[in-house]
Amino acid sequence: MKIVIATPEIHFHSPIVLRDLFERWKDDGTRKFSVVATPKISKNKKSSASIGKILKDTGFNYLARMALHKVRYDRACKRERKQNIPREDRNYLGVQEVCSLYQVPFRVFERINSLECRKYLKSEKPDFLISMFFNQILKKKALRIPSKAGINLHPSWLPEYKGMSPILWMLAEDAKEGGATIHVMNEKVDEGALIGRKRFPITPEDTFFSLYRKASSAGAGLLNDFLEKGEVDEASLIETDPDSKYYAPMPKKVFAEVARKRAISRI
């Protein structure tokens, strides 16, 4: 079985899921992985991941906080390297580092829907294409490439908090429970039939970083269970209400309040 995973090139929590998947299947010759990544901030001005679009939707404060978050994460990575901690034992790794550790092919493309990327995906002949915390919407031509299904990992209990920035919205609304969901992808955001879900408690001490880590660990478990079966069980799929609330990008004022209360930049 061939699995291609699509994830942002820079992401603090994708490495958690990737490591769990690769570790689980490293001695199993029946599950083969490759990873395609896209830039966290896109050069394409029309992209939802462009600097202009992010600034318009969330404001300078969001970008500044996320930049500080990355600086602190990079420092943690550097500290572990200086301490000569073996890569397999480190808590802070990048996406490419995890792929290198497990010798998983890794490629970067500006746009997942580009002809160049689609040609590469077709050459991989994947059974499943798994989107993980992804920053681009896969269109029909890309979704048709896997022979079995396109699967998305979303860091909430869908249909709750579907859309962008679910972790921030949970903190903003003082949610008592978080979750992770895997679902069949279609061209609409977070609206495909649900394959599996897992809930976990949110504590007053949780930050953006710790809550995302909980969702990542829960998501890794869901994906491993799914890959164990290796099939989408049509009879057990859960359909959701397409009119359920969609959480758009975090409004500037709401983000500022969450950042003040819940230590957005702390890791």
C-alpha atoms as a PDB file:
ATOM      1  CA  MET A   1       0.000   0.000   0.000  1.00  0.00           C
ATOM      2  CA  LYS A   2       1.350   3.436  -0.950  1.00  0.00           C
ATOM      3  CA  ILE A   3       0.468   6.515   1.098  1.00  0.00           C
ATOM      4  CA  VAL A   4       1.363  10.066   0.107  1.00  0.00           C
ATOM      5  CA  ILE A   5       1.080  12.657   2.878  1.00  0.00           C
ATOM      6  CA  ALA A   6       0.546  16.358   2.123  1.00  0.00           C
ATOM      7  CA  THR A   7       1.542  18.796   4.853  1.00  0.00           C
ATOM      8  CA  PRO A   8       3.014  22.305   5.215  1.00  0.00           C
ATOM      9  CA  GLU A   9       6.792  22.395   4.883  1.00  0.00           C
ATOM     10  CA  ILE A  10       7.007  24.210   8.208  1.00  0.00           C
ATOM     11  CA  HIS A  11       4.644  22.961  10.892  1.00  0.00           C
ATOM     12  CA  PHE A  12       5.254  22.460  14.606  1.00  0.00           C
ATOM     13  CA  HIS A  13       2.947  19.479  15.001  1.00  0.00           C
ATOM     14  CA  SER A  14       2.964  17.511  11.737  1.00  0.00           C
ATOM     15  CA  PRO A  15       6.286  15.936  12.828  1.00  0.00           C
ATOM     16  CA  ILE A  16       4.460  14.361  15.795  1.00  0.00           C
ATOM     17  CA  VAL A  17       2.002  12.593  13.502  1.00  0.00           C
ATOM     18  CA  LEU A  18       4.613  11.688  10.886  1.00  0.00           C
ATOM     19  CA  ARG A  19       6.911  10.154  13.469  1.00  0.00           C
ATOM     20  CA  ASP A  20       4.104   8.067  14.960  1.00  0.00           C
ATOM     21  CA  LEU A  21       3.098   6.797  11.517  1.00  0.00           C
ATOM     22  CA  PHE A  22       6.618   6.064  10.307  1.00  0.00           C
ATOM     23  CA  GLU A  23       7.605   4.405  13.587  1.00  0.00           C
ATOM     24  CA  ARG A  24       4.497   2.205  13.557  1.00  0.00           C
ATOM     25  CA  TRP A  25       5.102   0.956  10.013  1.00  0.00           C
ATOM     26  CA  LYS A  26       8.888   1.104   9.679  1.00  0.00           C
ATOM     27  CA  ASP A  27       9.306  -2.687   9.820  1.00  0.00           C
ATOM     28  CA  ASP A  28       6.220  -3.416   7.763  1.00  0.00           C
ATOM     29  CA  GLY A  29       6.898  -3.711   4.060  1.00  0.00           C
ATOM     30  CA  THR A  30       3.209  -3.376   3.184  1.00  0.00           C
ATOM     31  CA  ARG A  31       2.950   0.359   4.013  1.00  0.00           C
ATOM     32  CA  LYS A  32       5.138   2.760   2.008  1.00  0.00           C
ATOM     33  CA  PHE A  33       5.123   6.522   2.576  1.00  0.00           C
ATOM     34  CA  SER A  34       6.219   9.659   0.779  1.00  0.00           C
ATOM     35  CA  VAL A  35       5.642  13.286   1.755  1.00  0.00           C
ATOM     36  CA  VAL A  36       4.826  16.329  -0.354  1.00  0.00           C
ATOM     37  CA  ALA A  37       5.032  19.707   1.334  1.00  0.00           C
ATOM     38  CA  THR A  38       4.039  23.244   0.465  1.00  0.00           C
ATOM     39  CA  PRO A  39       5.466  26.505   1.853  1.00  0.00           C
ATOM     40  CA  LYS A  40       3.819  27.755   5.025  1.00  0.00           C
ATOM     41  CA  ILE A  41       3.620  31.184   3.401  1.00  0.00           C
ATOM     42  CA  SER A  42       2.911  31.070  -0.323  1.00  0.00           C
ATOM     43  CA  LYS A  43       4.452  33.305  -3.003  1.00  0.00           C
ATOM     44  CA  ASN A  44       1.179  33.076  -4.892  1.00  0.00           C
ATOM     45  CA  LYS A  45      -0.744  36.269  -4.101  1.00  0.00           C
ATOM     46  CA  LYS A  46      -4.055  34.508  -4.739  1.00  0.00           C
ATOM     47  CA  SER A  47      -3.309  31.775  -2.209  1.00  0.00           C
ATOM     48  CA  SER A  48      -4.981  31.726   1.217  1.00  0.00           C
ATOM     49  CA  ALA A  49      -1.433  31.213   2.556  1.00  0.00           C
ATOM     50  CA  SER A  50      -0.033  34.414   1.005  1.00  0.00           C
ATOM     51  CA  ILE A  51       1.237  37.096   3.387  1.00  0.00           C
ATOM     52  CA  GLY A  52      -1.319  39.572   2.053  1.00  0.00           C
ATOM     53  CA  LYS A  53      -4.240  37.200   2.638  1.00  0.00           C
ATOM     54  CA  ILE A  54      -3.041  36.241   6.122  1.00  0.00           C
ATOM     55  CA  LEU A  55      -2.593  39.911   7.071  1.00  0.00           C
ATOM     56  CA  LYS A  56      -6.046  40.745   5.756  1.00  0.00           C
ATOM     57  CA  ASP A  57      -7.737  37.892   7.599  1.00  0.00           C
ATOM     58  CA  THR A  58      -5.888  37.882  10.901  1.00  0.00           C
ATOM     59  CA  GLY A  59      -3.700  40.990  11.126  1.00  0.00           C
ATOM     60  CA  PHE A  60      -0.094  41.731  11.935  1.00  0.00           C
ATOM     61  CA  ASN A  61      -0.408  40.494  15.509  1.00  0.00           C
ATOM     62  CA  TYR A  62      -1.117  36.948  14.327  1.00  0.00           C
ATOM     63  CA  LEU A  63       1.882  36.873  11.991  1.00  0.00           C
ATOM     64  CA  ALA A  64       4.127  38.343  14.666  1.00  0.00           C
ATOM     65  CA  ARG A  65       2.997  35.783  17.255  1.00  0.00           C
ATOM     66  CA  MET A  66       3.481  32.883  14.853  1.00  0.00           C
ATOM     67  CA  ALA A  67       6.947  34.207  13.927  1.00  0.00           C
ATOM     68  CA  LEU A  68       7.852  34.314  17.631  1.00  0.00           C
ATOM     69  CA  HIS A  69       6.439  30.811  17.992  1.00  0.00           C
ATOM     70  CA  LYS A  70       8.766  29.622  15.230  1.00  0.00           C
ATOM     71  CA  VAL A  71      11.786  31.337  16.778  1.00  0.00           C
ATOM     72  CA  ARG A  72      11.155  29.569  20.070  1.00  0.00           C
ATOM     73  CA  TYR A  73      10.591  26.235  18.355  1.00  0.00           C
ATOM     74  CA  ASP A  74      13.832  26.635  16.385  1.00  0.00           C
ATOM     75  CA  ARG A  75      15.676  27.423  19.620  1.00  0.00           C
ATOM     76  CA  ALA A  76      14.309  24.240  21.189  1.00  0.00           C
ATOM     77  CA  CYS A  77      15.502  22.276  18.126  1.00  0.00           C
ATOM     78  CA  LYS A  78      18.951  23.861  18.348  1.00  0.00           C
ATOM     79  CA  ARG A  79      19.165  23.168  22.088  1.00  0.00           C
ATOM     80  CA  GLU A  80      18.493  19.464  21.548  1.00  0.00           C
ATOM     81  CA  ARG A  81      21.128  19.305  18.797  1.00  0.00           C
ATOM     82  CA  LYS A  82      23.712  20.996  21.055  1.00  0.00           C
ATOM     83  CA  GLN A  83      22.949  18.447  23.757  1.00  0.00           C
ATOM     84  CA  ASN A  84      23.722  15.702  21.218  1.00  0.00           C
ATOM     85  CA  ILE A  85      20.337  14.091  21.770  1.00  0.00           C
ATOM     86  CA  PRO A  86      19.851  11.420  19.078  1.00  0.00           C
ATOM     87  CA  ARG A  87      17.324  12.490  16.471  1.00  0.00           C
ATOM     88  CA  GLU A  88      15.056   9.575  17.292  1.00  0.00           C
ATOM     89  CA  ASP A  89      14.798  10.821  20.904  1.00  0.00           C
ATOM     90  CA  ARG A  90      14.225  14.519  20.223  1.00  0.00           C
ATOM     91  CA  ASN A  91      10.959  16.281  21.001  1.00  0.00           C
ATOM     92  CA  TYR A  92      11.465  19.041  18.442  1.00  0.00           C
ATOM     93  CA  LEU A  93      12.024  18.102  14.811  1.00  0.00           C
ATOM     94  CA  GLY A  94      11.036  19.588  11.476  1.00  0.00           C
ATOM     95  CA  VAL A  95       8.982  17.823   8.816  1.00  0.00           C
ATOM     96  CA  GLN A  96      11.990  17.192   6.587  1.00  0.00           C
ATOM     97  CA  GLU A  97      14.074  15.963   9.541  1.00  0.00           C
ATOM     98  CA  VAL A  98      11.478  13.312  10.390  1.00  0.00           C
ATOM     99  CA  CYS A  99      11.373  12.190   6.757  1.00  0.00           C
ATOM    100  CA  SER A 100      15.165  11.982   6.701  1.00  0.00           C
ATOM    101  CA  LEU A 101      15.232  10.019   9.957  1.00  0.00           C
ATOM    102  CA  TYR A 102      12.936   7.352   8.494  1.00  0.00           C
ATOM    103  CA  GLN A 103      14.272   7.637   4.929  1.00  0.00           C
ATOM    104  CA  VAL A 104      10.899   8.710   3.566  1.00  0.00           C
ATOM    105  CA  PRO A 105      10.951  10.571   0.210  1.00  0.00           C
ATOM    106  CA  PHE A 106      10.255  14.296   0.666  1.00  0.00           C
ATOM    107  CA  ARG A 107       9.379  16.864  -2.019  1.00  0.00           C
ATOM    108  CA  VAL A 108       8.328  20.528  -1.869  1.00  0.00           C
ATOM    109  CA  PHE A 109       5.892  22.140  -4.317  1.00  0.00           C
ATOM    110  CA  GLU A 110       4.582  25.690  -4.345  1.00  0.00           C
ATOM    111  CA  ARG A 111       1.023  24.511  -5.104  1.00  0.00           C
ATOM    112  CA  ILE A 112      -0.486  21.097  -4.476  1.00  0.00           C
ATOM    113  CA  ASN A 113      -2.833  21.518  -7.452  1.00  0.00           C
ATOM    114  CA  SER A 114      -0.119  22.508  -9.925  1.00  0.00           C
ATOM    115  CA  LEU A 115       0.497  20.337 -12.962  1.00  0.00           C
ATOM    116  CA  GLU A 116       4.034  19.649 -11.721  1.00  0.00           C
ATOM    117  CA  CYS A 117       2.813  18.376  -8.369  1.00  0.00           C
ATOM    118  CA  ARG A 118      -0.013  16.342  -9.873  1.00  0.00           C
ATOM    119  CA  LYS A 119       2.441  14.632 -12.229  1.00  0.00           C
ATOM    120  CA  TYR A 120       4.594  13.709  -9.250  1.00  0.00           C
ATOM    121  CA  LEU A 121       1.606  12.413  -7.297  1.00  0.00           C
ATOM    122  CA  LYS A 122       0.533  10.271 -10.234  1.00  0.00           C
ATOM    123  CA  SER A 123       4.044   8.844 -10.501  1.00  0.00           C
ATOM    124  CA  GLU A 124       3.801   7.736  -6.877  1.00  0.00           C
ATOM    125  CA  LYS A 125       0.605   5.771  -7.634  1.00  0.00           C
ATOM    126  CA  PRO A 126      -0.826   6.264  -4.132  1.00  0.00           C
ATOM    127  CA  ASP A 127      -3.638   4.219  -2.674  1.00  0.00           C
ATOM    128  CA  PHE A 128      -4.324   7.047  -0.214  1.00  0.00           C
ATOM    129  CA  LEU A 129      -3.495  10.752  -0.254  1.00  0.00           C
ATOM    130  CA  ILE A 130      -3.531  12.061   3.304  1.00  0.00           C
ATOM    131  CA  SER A 131      -3.828  15.783   3.990  1.00  0.00           C
ATOM    132  CA  MET A 132      -2.445  16.768   7.364  1.00  0.00           C
ATOM    133  CA  PHE A 133      -2.968  20.264   8.835  1.00  0.00           C
ATOM    134  CA  PHE A 134      -2.726  21.412   5.247  1.00  0.00           C
ATOM    135  CA  ASN A 135      -2.797  25.050   4.107  1.00  0.00           C
ATOM    136  CA  GLN A 136      -4.176  24.499   0.596  1.00  0.00           C
ATOM    137  CA  ILE A 137      -7.478  23.109  -0.682  1.00  0.00           C
ATOM    138  CA  LEU A 138      -7.082  20.071  -2.912  1.00  0.00           C
ATOM    139  CA  LYS A 139      -9.125  20.323  -6.093  1.00  0.00           C
ATOM    140  CA  LYS A 140     -10.863  17.605  -8.046  1.00  0.00           C
ATOM    141  CA  LYS A 141      -7.927  16.663 -10.280  1.00  0.00           C
ATOM    142  CA  ALA A 142      -5.671  16.091  -7.273  1.00  0.00           C
ATOM    143  CA  LEU A 143      -8.354  14.256  -5.307  1.00  0.00           C
ATOM    144  CA  ARG A 144      -8.843  11.797  -8.162  1.00  0.00           C
ATOM    145  CA  ILE A 145      -5.214  10.673  -8.109  1.00  0.00           C
ATOM    146  CA  PRO A 146      -5.281   8.184  -5.180  1.00  0.00           C
ATOM    147  CA  SER A 147      -6.778   4.846  -6.183  1.00  0.00           C
ATOM    148  CA  LYS A 148      -8.761   4.469  -2.939  1.00  0.00           C
ATOM    149  CA  ALA A 149      -9.390   7.845  -1.279  1.00  0.00           C
ATOM    150  CA  GLY A 150      -8.145  11.222  -0.169  1.00  0.00           C
ATOM    151  CA  ILE A 151      -8.159  11.488   3.634  1.00  0.00           C
ATOM    152  CA  ASN A 152      -7.874  14.603   5.793  1.00  0.00           C
ATOM    153  CA  LEU A 153      -6.729  14.892   9.399  1.00  0.00           C
ATOM    154  CA  HIS A 154      -8.423  17.836  11.094  1.00  0.00           C
ATOM    155  CA  PRO A 155      -7.567  18.967  14.667  1.00  0.00           C
ATOM    156  CA  SER A 156     -11.109  19.093  16.045  1.00  0.00           C
ATOM    157  CA  TRP A 157     -14.125  16.846  16.646  1.00  0.00           C
ATOM    158  CA  LEU A 158     -15.905  17.521  13.359  1.00  0.00           C
ATOM    159  CA  PRO A 159     -18.310  19.027  12.576  1.00  0.00           C
ATOM    160  CA  GLU A 160     -17.346  21.187  15.564  1.00  0.00           C
ATOM    161  CA  TYR A 161     -14.758  23.842  14.653  1.00  0.00           C
ATOM    162  CA  LYS A 162     -14.506  23.007  10.988  1.00  0.00           C
ATOM    163  CA  GLY A 163     -12.459  25.482   8.969  1.00  0.00           C
ATOM    164  CA  MET A 164      -9.292  27.384   9.700  1.00  0.00           C
ATOM    165  CA  SER A 165      -7.655  27.870  13.111  1.00  0.00           C
ATOM    166  CA  PRO A 166      -9.765  25.361  15.096  1.00  0.00           C
ATOM    167  CA  ILE A 167      -7.299  25.270  17.988  1.00  0.00           C
ATOM    168  CA  LEU A 168      -7.402  29.045  18.425  1.00  0.00           C
ATOM    169  CA  TRP A 169     -11.199  29.028  18.270  1.00  0.00           C
ATOM    170  CA  MET A 170     -11.388  26.344  20.966  1.00  0.00           C
ATOM    171  CA  LEU A 171      -9.267  28.524  23.230  1.00  0.00           C
ATOM    172  CA  ALA A 172     -11.252  31.636  22.341  1.00  0.00           C
ATOM    173  CA  GLU A 173     -14.538  29.964  23.273  1.00  0.00           C
ATOM    174  CA  ASP A 174     -13.147  28.241  26.384  1.00  0.00           C
ATOM    175  CA  ALA A 175     -14.113  24.839  25.032  1.00  0.00           C
ATOM    176  CA  LYS A 176     -13.949  22.010  27.570  1.00  0.00           C
ATOM    177  CA  GLU A 177     -13.090  19.318  25.034  1.00  0.00           C
ATOM    178  CA  GLY A 178     -10.966  19.168  21.917  1.00  0.00           C
ATOM    179  CA  GLY A 179     -10.642  16.449  19.364  1.00  0.00           C
ATOM    180  CA  ALA A 180      -9.219  15.084  16.153  1.00  0.00           C
ATOM    181  CA  THR A 181     -11.023  13.712  13.111  1.00  0.00           C
ATOM    182  CA  ILE A 182     -10.106  11.892   9.937  1.00  0.00           C
ATOM    183  CA  HIS A 183     -12.537  12.132   7.048  1.00  0.00           C
ATOM    184  CA  VAL A 184     -12.861  11.469   3.340  1.00  0.00           C
ATOM    185  CA  MET A 185     -11.920  14.582   1.389  1.00  0.00           C
ATOM    186  CA  ASN A 186     -14.052  16.367  -1.144  1.00  0.00           C
ATOM    187  CA  GLU A 187     -13.640  19.830  -2.652  1.00  0.00           C
ATOM    188  CA  LYS A 188     -15.358  21.514   0.280  1.00  0.00           C
ATOM    189  CA  VAL A 189     -13.427  22.326   3.437  1.00  0.00           C
ATOM    190  CA  ASP A 190     -13.858  19.728   6.213  1.00  0.00           C
ATOM    191  CA  GLU A 191     -17.185  18.429   4.868  1.00  0.00           C
ATOM    192  CA  GLY A 192     -16.393  14.870   3.753  1.00  0.00           C
ATOM    193  CA  ALA A 193     -17.873  11.832   5.471  1.00  0.00           C
ATOM    194  CA  LEU A 194     -16.198  11.057   8.806  1.00  0.00           C
ATOM    195  CA  ILE A 195     -14.070   7.936   9.243  1.00  0.00           C
ATOM    196  CA  GLY A 196     -13.041   8.311  12.880  1.00  0.00           C
ATOM    197  CA  ARG A 197     -12.967  10.814  15.741  1.00  0.00           C
ATOM    198  CA  LYS A 198     -11.384  11.086  19.158  1.00  0.00           C
ATOM    199  CA  ARG A 199     -12.064  13.543  21.991  1.00  0.00           C
ATOM    200  CA  PHE A 200      -9.767  14.742  24.761  1.00  0.00           C
ATOM    201  CA  PRO A 201     -10.161  17.233  27.644  1.00  0.00           C
ATOM    202  CA  ILE A 202      -8.955  20.836  27.477  1.00  0.00           C
ATOM    203  CA  THR A 203      -7.524  22.091  30.760  1.00  0.00           C
ATOM    204  CA  PRO A 204      -7.090  25.691  31.970  1.00  0.00           C
ATOM    205  CA  GLU A 205      -3.338  25.168  31.629  1.00  0.00           C
ATOM    206  CA  ASP A 206      -3.498  24.258  27.931  1.00  0.00           C
ATOM    207  CA  THR A 207      -1.862  26.613  25.466  1.00  0.00           C
ATOM    208  CA  PHE A 208      -2.053  26.760  21.689  1.00  0.00           C
ATOM    209  CA  PHE A 209       1.032  24.522  21.547  1.00  0.00           C
ATOM    210  CA  SER A 210      -0.062  21.914  24.102  1.00  0.00           C
ATOM    211  CA  LEU A 211      -3.575  21.660  22.679  1.00  0.00           C
ATOM    212  CA  TYR A 212      -2.253  21.184  19.149  1.00  0.00           C
ATOM    213  CA  ARG A 213       0.035  18.440  20.460  1.00  0.00           C
ATOM    214  CA  LYS A 214      -2.943  16.650  22.001  1.00  0.00           C
ATOM    215  CA  ALA A 215      -4.804  16.843  18.690  1.00  0.00           C
ATOM    216  CA  SER A 216      -1.734  15.586  16.825  1.00  0.00           C
ATOM    217  CA  SER A 217      -1.298  12.565  19.089  1.00  0.00           C
ATOM    218  CA  ALA A 218      -5.003  11.745  18.822  1.00  0.00           C
ATOM    219  CA  GLY A 219      -4.863  12.143  15.035  1.00  0.00           C
ATOM    220  CA  ALA A 220      -1.848   9.866  14.728  1.00  0.00           C
ATOM    221  CA  GLY A 221      -3.744   7.153  16.571  1.00  0.00           C
ATOM    222  CA  LEU A 222      -6.733   7.531  14.272  1.00  0.00           C
ATOM    223  CA  LEU A 223      -4.564   7.329  11.155  1.00  0.00           C
ATOM    224  CA  ASN A 224      -2.683   4.280  12.386  1.00  0.00           C
ATOM    225  CA  ASP A 225      -5.969   2.507  13.130  1.00  0.00           C
ATOM    226  CA  PHE A 226      -7.223   3.419   9.668  1.00  0.00           C
ATOM    227  CA  LEU A 227      -4.058   2.234   7.907  1.00  0.00           C
ATOM    228  CA  GLU A 228      -4.255  -1.018   9.849  1.00  0.00           C
ATOM    229  CA  LYS A 229      -7.559  -1.694   8.075  1.00  0.00           C
ATOM    230  CA  GLY A 230      -6.339  -0.240   4.785  1.00  0.00           C
ATOM    231  CA  GLU A 231      -9.841   0.437   3.491  1.00  0.00           C
ATOM    232  CA  VAL A 232     -12.598   3.018   3.810  1.00  0.00           C
ATOM    233  CA  ASP A 233     -15.530   1.201   5.411  1.00  0.00           C
ATOM    234  CA  GLU A 234     -18.450   2.797   3.552  1.00  0.00           C
ATOM    235  CA  ALA A 235     -20.976   1.305   5.967  1.00  0.00           C
ATOM    236  CA  SER A 236     -19.433   3.007   9.006  1.00  0.00           C
ATOM    237  CA  LEU A 237     -18.942   6.482   7.519  1.00  0.00           C
ATOM    238  CA  ILE A 238     -20.647   9.325   9.383  1.00  0.00           C
ATOM    239  CA  GLU A 239     -22.296  12.042   7.321  1.00  0.00           C
ATOM    240  CA  THR A 240     -22.345  15.530   8.841  1.00  0.00           C
ATOM    241  CA  ASP A 241     -24.552  18.562   8.418  1.00  0.00           C
ATOM    242  CA  PRO A 242     -23.072  20.686   5.609  1.00  0.00           C
ATOM    243  CA  ASP A 243     -24.703  23.748   7.174  1.00  0.00           C
ATOM    244  CA  SER A 244     -22.883  23.341  10.502  1.00  0.00           C
ATOM    245  CA  LYS A 245     -20.951  26.406  11.604  1.00  0.00           C
ATOM    246  CA  TYR A 246     -17.774  27.170   9.677  1.00  0.00           C
ATOM    247  CA  TYR A 247     -15.046  28.844  11.687  1.00  0.00           C
ATOM    248  CA  ALA A 248     -13.327  31.333   9.407  1.00  0.00           C
ATOM    249  CA  PRO A 249      -9.875  32.784  10.202  1.00  0.00           C
ATOM    250  CA  MET A 250      -9.464  34.214  13.683  1.00  0.00           C
ATOM    251  CA  PRO A 251     -10.710  37.843  13.844  1.00  0.00           C
ATOM    252  CA  LYS A 252      -8.039  40.318  14.958  1.00  0.00           C
ATOM    253  CA  LYS A 253      -9.755  41.335  18.204  1.00  0.00           C
ATOM    254  CA  VAL A 254     -10.543  37.747  19.198  1.00  0.00           C
ATOM    255  CA  PHE A 255      -6.983  36.627  18.480  1.00  0.00           C
ATOM    256  CA  ALA A 256      -5.539  39.439  20.593  1.00  0.00           C
ATOM    257  CA  GLU A 257      -7.680  38.339  23.549  1.00  0.00           C
ATOM    258  CA  VAL A 258      -6.728  34.668  23.137  1.00  0.00           C
ATOM    259  CA  ALA A 259      -3.054  35.587  22.833  1.00  0.00           C
ATOM    260  CA  ARG A 260      -3.275  37.564  26.050  1.00  0.00           C
ATOM    261  CA  LYS A 261      -5.000  34.800  28.035  1.00  0.00           C
ATOM    262  CA  ARG A 262      -3.541  31.559  26.697  1.00  0.00           C
ATOM    263  CA  ALA A 263       0.164  32.095  25.922  1.00  0.00           C
ATOM    264  CA  ILE A 264      -0.076  31.637  22.151  1.00  0.00           C
ATOM    265  CA  SER A 265       3.675  31.902  21.604  1.00  0.00           C
ATOM    266  CA  ARG A 266       4.786  29.558  24.400  1.00  0.00           C
ATOM    267  CA  ILE A 267       5.968  26.050  23.558  1.00  0.00           C
END
